[in-house]
Amino acid sequence: MSIIAFLSRGGAVIGLVLLVVALLKQLIAVVGVLLAVLKLAIIVVFVAVMVMIALAIYREHCRRKDAAAGL
């Protein structure tokens, strides 16, 4: 009977270890997805800032051209 009791305890421990490993794998996957989303957001913000700078330069160029023409 002691062998059966040992195996039942060992099975519970092994099952618990496997559960922890599975949860850690899912946690790593979720963190990976969140980091990918964060990188994408940083790229989108960078592109938006570059577009805003380009538009500001273009507007200033148009204003100077209009001012030089006497409008």
Protein backbone atom coordinates (compact mmCIF):
# COMPACT_ATOMS: atom_id res chain seq x y z
CA MET A 1 0.00 0.00 0.00
CA SER A 2 2.88 2.37 0.60
CA ILE A 3 3.83 2.15 -3.10
CA ILE A 4 0.33 3.22 -4.14
CA ALA A 5 0.36 6.12 -1.67
CA PHE A 6 3.78 7.21 -2.95
CA LEU A 7 2.65 7.07 -6.57
CA SER A 8 -0.48 9.06 -5.83
CA ARG A 9 1.57 11.79 -4.14
CA GLY A 10 4.15 11.70 -6.90
CA GLY A 11 1.43 11.95 -9.52
CA ALA A 12 -0.04 14.99 -7.80
CA VAL A 13 3.35 16.68 -7.68
CA ILE A 14 4.05 15.86 -11.33
CA GLY A 15 0.61 17.12 -12.30
CA LEU A 16 1.19 20.34 -10.39
CA VAL A 17 4.59 20.85 -12.05
CA LEU A 18 3.09 20.26 -15.49
CA LEU A 19 0.30 22.74 -14.72
CA VAL A 20 2.82 25.39 -13.67
CA VAL A 21 4.87 24.79 -16.83
CA ALA A 22 1.76 25.12 -19.02
CA LEU A 23 0.75 28.35 -17.27
CA LEU A 24 4.25 29.78 -17.63
CA LYS A 25 4.21 29.01 -21.35
CA GLN A 26 0.91 30.88 -21.71
CA LEU A 27 2.26 33.77 -19.64
CA ILE A 28 5.34 34.02 -21.86
CA ALA A 29 3.12 33.99 -24.96
CA VAL A 30 0.91 36.77 -23.55
CA VAL A 31 3.94 38.89 -22.65
CA GLY A 32 5.30 38.35 -26.16
CA VAL A 33 2.04 39.51 -27.72
CA LEU A 34 1.90 42.56 -25.46
CA LEU A 35 5.46 43.50 -26.37
CA ALA A 36 4.65 43.15 -30.06
CA VAL A 37 1.63 45.44 -29.62
CA LEU A 38 3.79 47.95 -27.74
CA LYS A 39 6.39 47.94 -30.53
CA LEU A 40 3.69 48.46 -33.13
CA ALA A 41 2.24 51.36 -31.13
CA ILE A 42 5.68 52.98 -30.89
CA ILE A 43 6.13 52.67 -34.66
CA VAL A 44 2.68 54.17 -35.32
CA VAL A 45 3.39 57.12 -33.00
CA PHE A 46 6.78 57.68 -34.65
CA VAL A 47 5.23 57.72 -38.13
CA ALA A 48 2.48 60.10 -36.94
CA VAL A 49 5.06 62.51 -35.50
CA MET A 50 7.07 62.41 -38.73
CA VAL A 51 3.93 63.16 -40.77
CA MET A 52 3.03 66.06 -38.46
CA ILE A 53 6.55 67.50 -38.83
CA ALA A 54 6.36 67.18 -42.62
CA LEU A 55 2.97 68.93 -42.66
CA ALA A 56 4.28 71.74 -40.47
CA ILE A 57 7.24 72.25 -42.80
CA TYR A 58 4.93 72.26 -45.83
CA ARG A 59 2.55 74.80 -44.24
CA GLU A 60 5.44 77.10 -43.33
CA HIS A 61 6.77 76.81 -46.87
CA CYS A 62 3.36 77.76 -48.29
CA ARG A 63 3.04 80.71 -45.89
CA ARG A 64 6.47 82.04 -46.82
CA LYS A 65 5.70 81.66 -50.53
CA ASP A 66 2.40 83.52 -50.10
CA ALA A 67 4.09 86.26 -48.07
CA ALA A 68 6.77 86.67 -50.69
CA ALA A 69 4.14 86.99 -53.41
CA GLY A 70 2.47 89.80 -51.45
CA LEU A 71 -0.73 87.97 -50.61
